[in-house]
Amino acid sequence: MANPAADKHHDDHHGIAHVASLKVLLGTWILLMILTVATVGATKVDFGPSTNLAIAMFIAVIKATLVVLFFMHLFYDKLFHTVLIVAGVLALALFVGFTLMDSNQYQESIQWNYTVPADPPPAP
């Protein structure tokens, strides 16, 4: 005999992920192409090495966010997955930040001109 309580069980997972509309996908792609042109345009203007890097990284973060949100469907997914992605990015930023805090310690030992030998390190 069939169990009536078991027949009322609903499974929301049908084996197919969320399908984004063509309008959303094309809009995201067009925005990514515009940002790519903006990135190339930003390289043509010299704002100084630090500012150019900041502009390029800002545009890259926007593009990566669009890809993660719409092409990887994070916008339509559970909040838990968003928390995992954000925690991973923050952990990466923490590790890179700690590495960059130490970068001034060894800048003098980098040999930029290979035709001239580097000076020996100072005695302790």
PDB file of N, CA and C in Angstrom:
ATOM      1  N   MET A   1       0.832  -1.175   0.000  1.00  0.00           N
ATOM      2  CA  MET A   1       0.000   0.000   0.000  1.00  0.00           C
ATOM      3  C   MET A   1       0.881   1.243   0.000  1.00  0.00           C
ATOM      4  N   ALA A   2       0.408   2.236  -0.644  1.00  0.00           N
ATOM      5  CA  ALA A   2       1.140   3.500  -0.705  1.00  0.00           C
ATOM      6  C   ALA A   2       0.894   4.296   0.558  1.00  0.00           C
ATOM      7  N   ASN A   3       1.903   4.934   1.003  1.00  0.00           N
ATOM      8  CA  ASN A   3       1.815   5.750   2.197  1.00  0.00           C
ATOM      9  C   ASN A   3       1.403   7.166   1.782  1.00  0.00           C
ATOM     10  N   PRO A   4       0.224   7.671   2.210  1.00  0.00           N
ATOM     11  CA  PRO A   4      -0.215   9.004   1.781  1.00  0.00           C
ATOM     12  C   PRO A   4       0.719  10.112   2.243  1.00  0.00           C
ATOM     13  N   ALA A   5       1.360   9.939   3.397  1.00  0.00           N
ATOM     14  CA  ALA A   5       2.279  10.972   3.873  1.00  0.00           C
ATOM     15  C   ALA A   5       3.516  11.045   2.988  1.00  0.00           C
ATOM     16  N   ALA A   6       3.966   9.908   2.484  1.00  0.00           N
ATOM     17  CA  ALA A   6       5.148   9.882   1.617  1.00  0.00           C
ATOM     18  C   ALA A   6       4.829  10.459   0.245  1.00  0.00           C
ATOM     19  N   ASP A   7       3.586  10.366  -0.187  1.00  0.00           N
ATOM     20  CA  ASP A   7       3.210  10.902  -1.494  1.00  0.00           C
ATOM     21  C   ASP A   7       3.195  12.425  -1.506  1.00  0.00           C
ATOM     22  N   LYS A   8       3.063  13.053  -0.340  1.00  0.00           N
ATOM     23  CA  LYS A   8       3.014  14.513  -0.260  1.00  0.00           C
ATOM     24  C   LYS A   8       4.404  15.139  -0.204  1.00  0.00           C
ATOM     25  N   HIS A   9       5.443  14.319  -0.214  1.00  0.00           N
ATOM     26  CA  HIS A   9       6.818  14.831  -0.168  1.00  0.00           C
ATOM     27  C   HIS A   9       7.141  15.541  -1.477  1.00  0.00           C
ATOM     28  N   HIS A  10       7.619  16.762  -1.354  1.00  0.00           N
ATOM     29  CA  HIS A  10       7.982  17.539  -2.537  1.00  0.00           C
ATOM     30  C   HIS A  10       9.480  17.741  -2.561  1.00  0.00           C
ATOM     31  N   ASP A  11      10.053  17.482  -3.692  1.00  0.00           N
ATOM     32  CA  ASP A  11      11.484  17.712  -3.867  1.00  0.00           C
ATOM     33  C   ASP A  11      11.646  18.906  -4.786  1.00  0.00           C
ATOM     34  N   ASP A  12      12.208  19.986  -4.256  1.00  0.00           N
ATOM     35  CA  ASP A  12      12.355  21.206  -5.045  1.00  0.00           C
ATOM     36  C   ASP A  12      13.486  21.128  -6.049  1.00  0.00           C
ATOM     37  N   HIS A  13      14.358  20.149  -5.937  1.00  0.00           N
ATOM     38  CA  HIS A  13      15.482  20.018  -6.865  1.00  0.00           C
ATOM     39  C   HIS A  13      15.052  19.130  -8.020  1.00  0.00           C
ATOM     40  N   HIS A  14      14.984  19.723  -9.196  1.00  0.00           N
ATOM     41  CA  HIS A  14      14.539  18.991 -10.376  1.00  0.00           C
ATOM     42  C   HIS A  14      15.697  18.613 -11.290  1.00  0.00           C
ATOM     43  N   GLY A  15      16.905  18.801 -10.836  1.00  0.00           N
ATOM     44  CA  GLY A  15      18.054  18.419 -11.638  1.00  0.00           C
ATOM     45  C   GLY A  15      18.521  19.513 -12.587  1.00  0.00           C
ATOM     46  N   ILE A  16      17.796  20.611 -12.657  1.00  0.00           N
ATOM     47  CA  ILE A  16      18.158  21.703 -13.556  1.00  0.00           C
ATOM     48  C   ILE A  16      18.436  22.928 -12.704  1.00  0.00           C
ATOM     49  N   ALA A  17      19.561  23.563 -12.950  1.00  0.00           N
ATOM     50  CA  ALA A  17      19.915  24.768 -12.200  1.00  0.00           C
ATOM     51  C   ALA A  17      19.074  25.936 -12.695  1.00  0.00           C
ATOM     52  N   HIS A  18      19.184  27.044 -12.005  1.00  0.00           N
ATOM     53  CA  HIS A  18      18.465  28.243 -12.425  1.00  0.00           C
ATOM     54  C   HIS A  18      18.932  28.652 -13.807  1.00  0.00           C
ATOM     55  N   VAL A  19      18.003  28.972 -14.653  1.00  0.00           N
ATOM     56  CA  VAL A  19      18.338  29.399 -16.003  1.00  0.00           C
ATOM     57  C   VAL A  19      18.087  30.900 -16.097  1.00  0.00           C
ATOM     58  N   ALA A  20      19.137  31.641 -16.336  1.00  0.00           N
ATOM     59  CA  ALA A  20      19.012  33.085 -16.459  1.00  0.00           C
ATOM     60  C   ALA A  20      18.394  33.426 -17.808  1.00  0.00           C
ATOM     61  N   SER A  21      17.667  34.518 -17.828  1.00  0.00           N
ATOM     62  CA  SER A  21      17.031  34.931 -19.079  1.00  0.00           C
ATOM     63  C   SER A  21      18.082  35.428 -20.069  1.00  0.00           C
ATOM     64  N   LEU A  22      17.711  35.397 -21.310  1.00  0.00           N
ATOM     65  CA  LEU A  22      18.620  35.860 -22.356  1.00  0.00           C
ATOM     66  C   LEU A  22      18.908  37.350 -22.200  1.00  0.00           C
ATOM     67  N   LYS A  23      17.925  38.104 -21.729  1.00  0.00           N
ATOM     68  CA  LYS A  23      18.103  39.536 -21.517  1.00  0.00           C
ATOM     69  C   LYS A  23      19.180  39.797 -20.462  1.00  0.00           C
ATOM     70  N   VAL A  24      19.160  39.035 -19.372  1.00  0.00           N
ATOM     71  CA  VAL A  24      20.153  39.202 -18.305  1.00  0.00           C
ATOM     72  C   VAL A  24      21.537  38.810 -18.813  1.00  0.00           C
ATOM     73  N   LEU A  25      21.628  37.690 -19.511  1.00  0.00           N
ATOM     74  CA  LEU A  25      22.929  37.228 -20.006  1.00  0.00           C
ATOM     75  C   LEU A  25      23.519  38.196 -21.026  1.00  0.00           C
ATOM     76  N   LEU A  26      22.703  38.677 -21.961  1.00  0.00           N
ATOM     77  CA  LEU A  26      23.205  39.625 -22.958  1.00  0.00           C
ATOM     78  C   LEU A  26      23.562  40.969 -22.323  1.00  0.00           C
ATOM     79  N   GLY A  27      22.748  41.411 -21.374  1.00  0.00           N
ATOM     80  CA  GLY A  27      23.058  42.662 -20.686  1.00  0.00           C
ATOM     81  C   GLY A  27      24.366  42.574 -19.913  1.00  0.00           C
ATOM     82  N   THR A  28      24.583  41.443 -19.249  1.00  0.00           N
ATOM     83  CA  THR A  28      25.828  41.245 -18.518  1.00  0.00           C
ATOM     84  C   THR A  28      27.012  41.185 -19.472  1.00  0.00           C
ATOM     85  N   TRP A  29      26.850  40.493 -20.582  1.00  0.00           N
ATOM     86  CA  TRP A  29      27.937  40.380 -21.564  1.00  0.00           C
ATOM     87  C   TRP A  29      28.275  41.749 -22.157  1.00  0.00           C
ATOM     88  N   ILE A  30      27.250  42.529 -22.477  1.00  0.00           N
ATOM     89  CA  ILE A  30      27.488  43.867 -23.036  1.00  0.00           C
ATOM     90  C   ILE A  30      28.212  44.744 -22.013  1.00  0.00           C
ATOM     91  N   LEU A  31      27.793  44.666 -20.760  1.00  0.00           N
ATOM     92  CA  LEU A  31      28.468  45.445 -19.718  1.00  0.00           C
ATOM     93  C   LEU A  31      29.918  45.004 -19.538  1.00  0.00           C
ATOM     94  N   LEU A  32      30.174  43.688 -19.634  1.00  0.00           N
ATOM     95  CA  LEU A  32      31.554  43.197 -19.548  1.00  0.00           C
ATOM     96  C   LEU A  32      32.394  43.701 -20.721  1.00  0.00           C
ATOM     97  N   MET A  33      31.822  43.765 -21.907  1.00  0.00           N
ATOM     98  CA  MET A  33      32.555  44.277 -23.067  1.00  0.00           C
ATOM     99  C   MET A  33      32.840  45.775 -22.914  1.00  0.00           C
ATOM    100  N   ILE A  34      31.877  46.529 -22.367  1.00  0.00           N
ATOM    101  CA  ILE A  34      32.101  47.956 -22.132  1.00  0.00           C
ATOM    102  C   ILE A  34      33.221  48.157 -21.109  1.00  0.00           C
ATOM    103  N   LEU A  35      33.211  47.342 -20.057  1.00  0.00           N
ATOM    104  CA  LEU A  35      34.268  47.450 -19.053  1.00  0.00           C
ATOM    105  C   LEU A  35      35.622  47.018 -19.605  1.00  0.00           C
ATOM    106  N   THR A  36      35.635  46.072 -20.529  1.00  0.00           N
ATOM    107  CA  THR A  36      36.889  45.679 -21.176  1.00  0.00           C
ATOM    108  C   THR A  36      37.452  46.833 -21.998  1.00  0.00           C
ATOM    109  N   VAL A  37      36.574  47.513 -22.745  1.00  0.00           N
ATOM    110  CA  VAL A  37      37.007  48.692 -23.508  1.00  0.00           C
ATOM    111  C   VAL A  37      37.497  49.781 -22.547  1.00  0.00           C
ATOM    112  N   ALA A  38      36.830  49.925 -21.405  1.00  0.00           N
ATOM    113  CA  ALA A  38      37.273  50.916 -20.412  1.00  0.00           C
ATOM    114  C   ALA A  38      38.642  50.556 -19.851  1.00  0.00           C
ATOM    115  N   THR A  39      38.889  49.260 -19.655  1.00  0.00           N
ATOM    116  CA  THR A  39      40.203  48.829 -19.165  1.00  0.00           C
ATOM    117  C   THR A  39      41.288  49.153 -20.181  1.00  0.00           C
ATOM    118  N   VAL A  40      41.028  48.865 -21.448  1.00  0.00           N
ATOM    119  CA  VAL A  40      42.011  49.166 -22.492  1.00  0.00           C
ATOM    120  C   VAL A  40      42.204  50.671 -22.601  1.00  0.00           C
ATOM    121  N   GLY A  41      41.122  51.427 -22.505  1.00  0.00           N
ATOM    122  CA  GLY A  41      41.226  52.884 -22.557  1.00  0.00           C
ATOM    123  C   GLY A  41      41.998  53.449 -21.381  1.00  0.00           C
ATOM    124  N   ALA A  42      41.848  52.826 -20.218  1.00  0.00           N
ATOM    125  CA  ALA A  42      42.561  53.310 -19.035  1.00  0.00           C
ATOM    126  C   ALA A  42      44.069  53.087 -19.155  1.00  0.00           C
ATOM    127  N   THR A  43      44.479  52.110 -19.944  1.00  0.00           N
ATOM    128  CA  THR A  43      45.919  51.886 -20.121  1.00  0.00           C
ATOM    129  C   THR A  43      46.552  52.929 -21.049  1.00  0.00           C
ATOM    130  N   LYS A  44      45.732  53.598 -21.834  1.00  0.00           N
ATOM    131  CA  LYS A  44      46.256  54.605 -22.771  1.00  0.00           C
ATOM    132  C   LYS A  44      46.558  55.929 -22.076  1.00  0.00           C
ATOM    133  N   VAL A  45      45.994  56.146 -20.895  1.00  0.00           N
ATOM    134  CA  VAL A  45      46.212  57.388 -20.154  1.00  0.00           C
ATOM    135  C   VAL A  45      47.108  57.070 -18.968  1.00  0.00           C
ATOM    136  N   ASP A  46      48.142  57.889 -18.774  1.00  0.00           N
ATOM    137  CA  ASP A  46      49.080  57.645 -17.680  1.00  0.00           C
ATOM    138  C   ASP A  46      48.709  58.498 -16.473  1.00  0.00           C
ATOM    139  N   PHE A  47      48.170  57.850 -15.452  1.00  0.00           N
ATOM    140  CA  PHE A  47      47.850  58.521 -14.197  1.00  0.00           C
ATOM    141  C   PHE A  47      48.918  58.285 -13.142  1.00  0.00           C
ATOM    142  N   GLY A  48      49.966  57.582 -13.495  1.00  0.00           N
ATOM    143  CA  GLY A  48      50.973  57.162 -12.528  1.00  0.00           C
ATOM    144  C   GLY A  48      50.771  55.678 -12.231  1.00  0.00           C
ATOM    145  N   PRO A  49      51.836  54.990 -11.849  1.00  0.00           N
ATOM    146  CA  PRO A  49      51.739  53.540 -11.702  1.00  0.00           C
ATOM    147  C   PRO A  49      50.731  53.094 -10.650  1.00  0.00           C
ATOM    148  N   SER A  50      50.656  53.780  -9.534  1.00  0.00           N
ATOM    149  CA  SER A  50      49.733  53.366  -8.474  1.00  0.00           C
ATOM    150  C   SER A  50      48.284  53.609  -8.872  1.00  0.00           C
ATOM    151  N   THR A  51      48.014  54.746  -9.480  1.00  0.00           N
ATOM    152  CA  THR A  51      46.646  55.066  -9.869  1.00  0.00           C
ATOM    153  C   THR A  51      46.187  54.180 -11.013  1.00  0.00           C
ATOM    154  N   ASN A  52      47.051  53.936 -11.990  1.00  0.00           N
ATOM    155  CA  ASN A  52      46.680  53.036 -13.092  1.00  0.00           C
ATOM    156  C   ASN A  52      46.372  51.634 -12.575  1.00  0.00           C
ATOM    157  N   LEU A  53      47.167  51.160 -11.619  1.00  0.00           N
ATOM    158  CA  LEU A  53      46.905  49.842 -11.037  1.00  0.00           C
ATOM    159  C   LEU A  53      45.579  49.849 -10.282  1.00  0.00           C
ATOM    160  N   ALA A  54      45.310  50.903  -9.536  1.00  0.00           N
ATOM    161  CA  ALA A  54      44.049  50.987  -8.790  1.00  0.00           C
ATOM    162  C   ALA A  54      42.853  51.007  -9.730  1.00  0.00           C
ATOM    163  N   ILE A  55      42.942  51.737 -10.830  1.00  0.00           N
ATOM    164  CA  ILE A  55      41.846  51.783 -11.806  1.00  0.00           C
ATOM    165  C   ILE A  55      41.640  50.414 -12.439  1.00  0.00           C
ATOM    166  N   ALA A  56      42.739  49.775 -12.842  1.00  0.00           N
ATOM    167  CA  ALA A  56      42.628  48.458 -13.466  1.00  0.00           C
ATOM    168  C   ALA A  56      42.052  47.424 -12.502  1.00  0.00           C
ATOM    169  N   MET A  57      42.478  47.460 -11.248  1.00  0.00           N
ATOM    170  CA  MET A  57      41.950  46.516 -10.259  1.00  0.00           C
ATOM    171  C   MET A  57      40.485  46.785  -9.952  1.00  0.00           C
ATOM    172  N   PHE A  58      40.088  48.046  -9.895  1.00  0.00           N
ATOM    173  CA  PHE A  58      38.688  48.389  -9.648  1.00  0.00           C
ATOM    174  C   PHE A  58      37.794  47.852 -10.762  1.00  0.00           C
ATOM    175  N   ILE A  59      38.210  48.052 -12.005  1.00  0.00           N
ATOM    176  CA  ILE A  59      37.434  47.536 -13.142  1.00  0.00           C
ATOM    177  C   ILE A  59      37.423  46.015 -13.124  1.00  0.00           C
ATOM    178  N   ALA A  60      38.545  45.397 -12.783  1.00  0.00           N
ATOM    179  CA  ALA A  60      38.612  43.934 -12.737  1.00  0.00           C
ATOM    180  C   ALA A  60      37.700  43.367 -11.648  1.00  0.00           C
ATOM    181  N   VAL A  61      37.610  44.044 -10.520  1.00  0.00           N
ATOM    182  CA  VAL A  61      36.728  43.581  -9.442  1.00  0.00           C
ATOM    183  C   VAL A  61      35.268  43.678  -9.871  1.00  0.00           C
ATOM    184  N   ILE A  62      34.911  44.754 -10.558  1.00  0.00           N
ATOM    185  CA  ILE A  62      33.538  44.880 -11.056  1.00  0.00           C
ATOM    186  C   ILE A  62      33.227  43.777 -12.057  1.00  0.00           C
ATOM    187  N   LYS A  63      34.153  43.504 -12.971  1.00  0.00           N
ATOM    188  CA  LYS A  63      33.929  42.452 -13.965  1.00  0.00           C
ATOM    189  C   LYS A  63      33.829  41.077 -13.307  1.00  0.00           C
ATOM    190  N   ALA A  64      34.694  40.797 -12.350  1.00  0.00           N
ATOM    191  CA  ALA A  64      34.640  39.508 -11.658  1.00  0.00           C
ATOM    192  C   ALA A  64      33.345  39.364 -10.874  1.00  0.00           C
ATOM    193  N   THR A  65      32.879  40.449 -10.277  1.00  0.00           N
ATOM    194  CA  THR A  65      31.613  40.408  -9.541  1.00  0.00           C
ATOM    195  C   THR A  65      30.451  40.116 -10.476  1.00  0.00           C
ATOM    196  N   LEU A  66      30.440  40.725 -11.640  1.00  0.00           N
ATOM    197  CA  LEU A  66      29.374  40.448 -12.611  1.00  0.00           C
ATOM    198  C   LEU A  66      29.384  38.995 -13.056  1.00  0.00           C
ATOM    199  N   VAL A  67      30.569  38.460 -13.318  1.00  0.00           N
ATOM    200  CA  VAL A  67      30.672  37.065 -13.751  1.00  0.00           C
ATOM    201  C   VAL A  67      30.172  36.128 -12.655  1.00  0.00           C
ATOM    202  N   VAL A  68      30.594  36.376 -11.423  1.00  0.00           N
ATOM    203  CA  VAL A  68      30.189  35.506 -10.316  1.00  0.00           C
ATOM    204  C   VAL A  68      28.686  35.617 -10.065  1.00  0.00           C
ATOM    205  N   LEU A  69      28.158  36.820 -10.118  1.00  0.00           N
ATOM    206  CA  LEU A  69      26.737  37.002  -9.824  1.00  0.00           C
ATOM    207  C   LEU A  69      25.823  36.406 -10.880  1.00  0.00           C
ATOM    208  N   PHE A  70      26.110  36.673 -12.157  1.00  0.00           N
ATOM    209  CA  PHE A  70      25.149  36.312 -13.183  1.00  0.00           C
ATOM    210  C   PHE A  70      25.531  35.079 -13.991  1.00  0.00           C
ATOM    211  N   PHE A  71      26.783  34.945 -14.392  1.00  0.00           N
ATOM    212  CA  PHE A  71      27.163  33.761 -15.172  1.00  0.00           C
ATOM    213  C   PHE A  71      27.318  32.530 -14.288  1.00  0.00           C
ATOM    214  N   MET A  72      27.723  32.730 -13.026  1.00  0.00           N
ATOM    215  CA  MET A  72      27.833  31.602 -12.108  1.00  0.00           C
ATOM    216  C   MET A  72      26.603  31.480 -11.203  1.00  0.00           C
ATOM    217  N   HIS A  73      25.588  32.313 -11.454  1.00  0.00           N
ATOM    218  CA  HIS A  73      24.269  32.247 -10.809  1.00  0.00           C
ATOM    219  C   HIS A  73      24.314  32.452  -9.301  1.00  0.00           C
ATOM    220  N   LEU A  74      25.290  33.142  -8.776  1.00  0.00           N
ATOM    221  CA  LEU A  74      25.336  33.394  -7.340  1.00  0.00           C
ATOM    222  C   LEU A  74      24.223  34.351  -6.913  1.00  0.00           C
ATOM    223  N   PHE A  75      23.780  35.200  -7.816  1.00  0.00           N
ATOM    224  CA  PHE A  75      22.695  36.132  -7.536  1.00  0.00           C
ATOM    225  C   PHE A  75      21.401  35.390  -7.190  1.00  0.00           C
ATOM    226  N   TYR A  76      21.221  34.215  -7.792  1.00  0.00           N
ATOM    227  CA  TYR A  76      19.998  33.437  -7.593  1.00  0.00           C
ATOM    228  C   TYR A  76      20.173  32.319  -6.576  1.00  0.00           C
ATOM    229  N   ASP A  77      21.359  32.174  -6.023  1.00  0.00           N
ATOM    230  CA  ASP A  77      21.663  31.051  -5.152  1.00  0.00           C
ATOM    231  C   ASP A  77      21.383  31.402  -3.691  1.00  0.00           C
ATOM    232  N   LYS A  78      21.658  30.441  -2.818  1.00  0.00           N
ATOM    233  CA  LYS A  78      21.419  30.625  -1.385  1.00  0.00           C
ATOM    234  C   LYS A  78      22.442  31.597  -0.786  1.00  0.00           C
ATOM    235  N   LEU A  79      22.050  32.233   0.308  1.00  0.00           N
ATOM    236  CA  LEU A  79      22.917  33.186   0.990  1.00  0.00           C
ATOM    237  C   LEU A  79      24.181  32.512   1.512  1.00  0.00           C
ATOM    238  N   PHE A  80      24.095  31.256   1.885  1.00  0.00           N
ATOM    239  CA  PHE A  80      25.251  30.526   2.406  1.00  0.00           C
ATOM    240  C   PHE A  80      26.386  30.498   1.387  1.00  0.00           C
ATOM    241  N   HIS A  81      26.058  30.291   0.119  1.00  0.00           N
ATOM    242  CA  HIS A  81      27.091  30.246  -0.913  1.00  0.00           C
ATOM    243  C   HIS A  81      27.728  31.620  -1.117  1.00  0.00           C
ATOM    244  N   THR A  82      26.937  32.664  -0.978  1.00  0.00           N
ATOM    245  CA  THR A  82      27.481  34.017  -1.071  1.00  0.00           C
ATOM    246  C   THR A  82      28.447  34.284   0.078  1.00  0.00           C
ATOM    247  N   VAL A  83      28.085  33.827   1.265  1.00  0.00           N
ATOM    248  CA  VAL A  83      28.963  33.995   2.422  1.00  0.00           C
ATOM    249  C   VAL A  83      30.284  33.261   2.206  1.00  0.00           C
ATOM    250  N   LEU A  84      30.225  32.068   1.636  1.00  0.00           N
ATOM    251  CA  LEU A  84      31.453  31.309   1.366  1.00  0.00           C
ATOM    252  C   LEU A  84      32.352  32.028   0.368  1.00  0.00           C
ATOM    253  N   ILE A  85      31.774  32.566  -0.694  1.00  0.00           N
ATOM    254  CA  ILE A  85      32.563  33.273  -1.710  1.00  0.00           C
ATOM    255  C   ILE A  85      33.193  34.530  -1.101  1.00  0.00           C
ATOM    256  N   VAL A  86      32.391  35.296  -0.371  1.00  0.00           N
ATOM    257  CA  VAL A  86      32.910  36.534   0.233  1.00  0.00           C
ATOM    258  C   VAL A  86      33.991  36.216   1.263  1.00  0.00           C
ATOM    259  N   ALA A  87      33.798  35.150   2.053  1.00  0.00           N
ATOM    260  CA  ALA A  87      34.813  34.768   3.041  1.00  0.00           C
ATOM    261  C   ALA A  87      36.110  34.351   2.350  1.00  0.00           C
ATOM    262  N   GLY A  88      36.015  33.654   1.243  1.00  0.00           N
ATOM    263  CA  GLY A  88      37.211  33.267   0.495  1.00  0.00           C
ATOM    264  C   GLY A  88      37.955  34.466  -0.064  1.00  0.00           C
ATOM    265  N   VAL A  89      37.215  35.431  -0.588  1.00  0.00           N
ATOM    266  CA  VAL A  89      37.842  36.641  -1.124  1.00  0.00           C
ATOM    267  C   VAL A  89      38.482  37.459   0.000  1.00  0.00           C
ATOM    268  N   LEU A  90      37.810  37.552   1.139  1.00  0.00           N
ATOM    269  CA  LEU A  90      38.397  38.278   2.267  1.00  0.00           C
ATOM    270  C   LEU A  90      39.645  37.580   2.811  1.00  0.00           C
ATOM    271  N   ALA A  91      39.640  36.248   2.845  1.00  0.00           N
ATOM    272  CA  ALA A  91      40.836  35.516   3.275  1.00  0.00           C
ATOM    273  C   ALA A  91      41.988  35.765   2.302  1.00  0.00           C
ATOM    274  N   LEU A  92      41.692  35.759   1.016  1.00  0.00           N
ATOM    275  CA  LEU A  92      42.720  36.050   0.021  1.00  0.00           C
ATOM    276  C   LEU A  92      43.266  37.467   0.209  1.00  0.00           C
ATOM    277  N   ALA A  93      42.366  38.430   0.436  1.00  0.00           N
ATOM    278  CA  ALA A  93      42.805  39.811   0.655  1.00  0.00           C
ATOM    279  C   ALA A  93      43.666  39.920   1.907  1.00  0.00           C
ATOM    280  N   LEU A  94      43.322  39.165   2.941  1.00  0.00           N
ATOM    281  CA  LEU A  94      44.114  39.175   4.167  1.00  0.00           C
ATOM    282  C   LEU A  94      45.524  38.641   3.915  1.00  0.00           C
ATOM    283  N   PHE A  95      45.632  37.522   3.219  1.00  0.00           N
ATOM    284  CA  PHE A  95      46.952  36.939   2.943  1.00  0.00           C
ATOM    285  C   PHE A  95      47.785  37.841   2.033  1.00  0.00           C
ATOM    286  N   VAL A  96      47.173  38.404   1.010  1.00  0.00           N
ATOM    287  CA  VAL A  96      47.905  39.303   0.115  1.00  0.00           C
ATOM    288  C   VAL A  96      48.297  40.576   0.864  1.00  0.00           C
ATOM    289  N   GLY A  97      47.409  41.058   1.735  1.00  0.00           N
ATOM    290  CA  GLY A  97      47.723  42.249   2.528  1.00  0.00           C
ATOM    291  C   GLY A  97      48.909  42.037   3.437  1.00  0.00           C
ATOM    292  N   PHE A  98      48.963  40.880   4.108  1.00  0.00           N
ATOM    293  CA  PHE A  98      50.115  40.592   4.961  1.00  0.00           C
ATOM    294  C   PHE A  98      51.394  40.477   4.138  1.00  0.00           C
ATOM    295  N   THR A  99      51.296  39.921   2.948  1.00  0.00           N
ATOM    296  CA  THR A  99      52.476  39.818   2.087  1.00  0.00           C
ATOM    297  C   THR A  99      52.945  41.198   1.653  1.00  0.00           C
ATOM    298  N   LEU A 100      52.020  42.070   1.297  1.00  0.00           N
ATOM    299  CA  LEU A 100      52.409  43.411   0.849  1.00  0.00           C
ATOM    300  C   LEU A 100      52.952  44.264   1.986  1.00  0.00           C
ATOM    301  N   MET A 101      52.534  43.997   3.220  1.00  0.00           N
ATOM    302  CA  MET A 101      53.074  44.746   4.359  1.00  0.00           C
ATOM    303  C   MET A 101      54.562  44.491   4.533  1.00  0.00           C
ATOM    304  N   ASP A 102      55.032  43.355   4.088  1.00  0.00           N
ATOM    305  CA  ASP A 102      56.432  42.986   4.247  1.00  0.00           C
ATOM    306  C   ASP A 102      57.267  43.330   3.016  1.00  0.00           C
ATOM    307  N   SER A 103      56.660  43.820   1.959  1.00  0.00           N
ATOM    308  CA  SER A 103      57.385  43.994   0.696  1.00  0.00           C
ATOM    309  C   SER A 103      58.462  45.075   0.771  1.00  0.00           C
ATOM    310  N   ASN A 104      58.339  46.043   1.651  1.00  0.00           N
ATOM    311  CA  ASN A 104      59.367  47.087   1.739  1.00  0.00           C
ATOM    312  C   ASN A 104      60.659  46.567   2.350  1.00  0.00           C
ATOM    313  N   GLN A 105      60.630  45.452   3.013  1.00  0.00           N
ATOM    314  CA  GLN A 105      61.818  44.921   3.682  1.00  0.00           C
ATOM    315  C   GLN A 105      62.860  44.404   2.690  1.00  0.00           C
ATOM    316  N   TYR A 106      62.422  43.974   1.526  1.00  0.00           N
ATOM    317  CA  TYR A 106      63.378  43.361   0.594  1.00  0.00           C
ATOM    318  C   TYR A 106      63.498  44.124  -0.728  1.00  0.00           C
ATOM    319  N   GLN A 107      62.931  45.306  -0.831  1.00  0.00           N
ATOM    320  CA  GLN A 107      62.986  46.052  -2.084  1.00  0.00           C
ATOM    321  C   GLN A 107      64.419  46.433  -2.458  1.00  0.00           C
ATOM    322  N   GLU A 108      65.259  46.723  -1.483  1.00  0.00           N
ATOM    323  CA  GLU A 108      66.632  47.135  -1.782  1.00  0.00           C
ATOM    324  C   GLU A 108      67.476  45.982  -2.301  1.00  0.00           C
ATOM    325  N   SER A 109      67.079  44.740  -1.995  1.00  0.00           N
ATOM    326  CA  SER A 109      67.876  43.600  -2.444  1.00  0.00           C
ATOM    327  C   SER A 109      67.476  43.111  -3.831  1.00  0.00           C
ATOM    328  N   ILE A 110      66.440  43.696  -4.432  1.00  0.00           N
ATOM    329  CA  ILE A 110      66.040  43.301  -5.784  1.00  0.00           C
ATOM    330  C   ILE A 110      66.989  43.949  -6.774  1.00  0.00           C
ATOM    331  N   GLN A 111      67.502  43.154  -7.676  1.00  0.00           N
ATOM    332  CA  GLN A 111      68.452  43.652  -8.658  1.00  0.00           C
ATOM    333  C   GLN A 111      67.683  44.043  -9.914  1.00  0.00           C
ATOM    334  N   TRP A 112      67.505  45.343 -10.139  1.00  0.00           N
ATOM    335  CA  TRP A 112      66.733  45.823 -11.277  1.00  0.00           C
ATOM    336  C   TRP A 112      67.586  45.895 -12.538  1.00  0.00           C
ATOM    337  N   ASN A 113      68.864  46.191 -12.413  1.00  0.00           N
ATOM    338  CA  ASN A 113      69.750  46.300 -13.563  1.00  0.00           C
ATOM    339  C   ASN A 113      70.706  45.111 -13.529  1.00  0.00           C
ATOM    340  N   TYR A 114      70.516  44.200 -14.454  1.00  0.00           N
ATOM    341  CA  TYR A 114      71.311  42.974 -14.438  1.00  0.00           C
ATOM    342  C   TYR A 114      72.708  43.159 -15.006  1.00  0.00           C
ATOM    343  N   THR A 115      72.995  44.302 -15.625  1.00  0.00           N
ATOM    344  CA  THR A 115      74.339  44.526 -16.159  1.00  0.00           C
ATOM    345  C   THR A 115      75.302  44.991 -15.073  1.00  0.00           C
ATOM    346  N   VAL A 116      74.769  45.560 -14.005  1.00  0.00           N
ATOM    347  CA  VAL A 116      75.590  46.025 -12.889  1.00  0.00           C
ATOM    348  C   VAL A 116      75.322  45.109 -11.712  1.00  0.00           C
ATOM    349  N   PRO A 117      76.356  44.529 -11.126  1.00  0.00           N
ATOM    350  CA  PRO A 117      76.120  43.627  -9.982  1.00  0.00           C
ATOM    351  C   PRO A 117      75.538  44.385  -8.798  1.00  0.00           C
ATOM    352  N   ALA A 118      74.748  43.699  -8.009  1.00  0.00           N
ATOM    353  CA  ALA A 118      74.112  44.300  -6.843  1.00  0.00           C
ATOM    354  C   ALA A 118      75.140  44.532  -5.744  1.00  0.00           C
ATOM    355  N   ASP A 119      74.918  45.566  -4.959  1.00  0.00           N
ATOM    356  CA  ASP A 119      75.762  45.838  -3.807  1.00  0.00           C
ATOM    357  C   ASP A 119      75.515  44.764  -2.749  1.00  0.00           C
ATOM    358  N   PRO A 120      76.543  44.402  -2.012  1.00  0.00           N
ATOM    359  CA  PRO A 120      76.321  43.416  -0.949  1.00  0.00           C
ATOM    360  C   PRO A 120      75.469  44.015   0.167  1.00  0.00           C
ATOM    361  N   PRO A 121      74.739  43.185   0.879  1.00  0.00           N
ATOM    362  CA  PRO A 121      73.938  43.726   1.974  1.00  0.00           C
ATOM    363  C   PRO A 121      74.820  44.291   3.069  1.00  0.00           C
ATOM    364  N   PRO A 122      74.316  45.282   3.794  1.00  0.00           N
ATOM    365  CA  PRO A 122      75.147  45.891   4.850  1.00  0.00           C
ATOM    366  C   PRO A 122      75.398  44.893   5.976  1.00  0.00           C
ATOM    367  N   ALA A 123      76.526  45.086   6.628  1.00  0.00           N
ATOM    368  CA  ALA A 123      76.881  44.213   7.739  1.00  0.00           C
ATOM    369  C   ALA A 123      75.960  44.497   8.920  1.00  0.00           C
ATOM    370  N   PRO A 124      75.690  43.482   9.744  1.00  0.00           N
ATOM    371  CA  PRO A 124      74.805  43.707  10.899  1.00  0.00           C
ATOM    372  C   PRO A 124      75.433  44.540  11.969  1.00  0.00           C
TER     373      PRO A 124
END
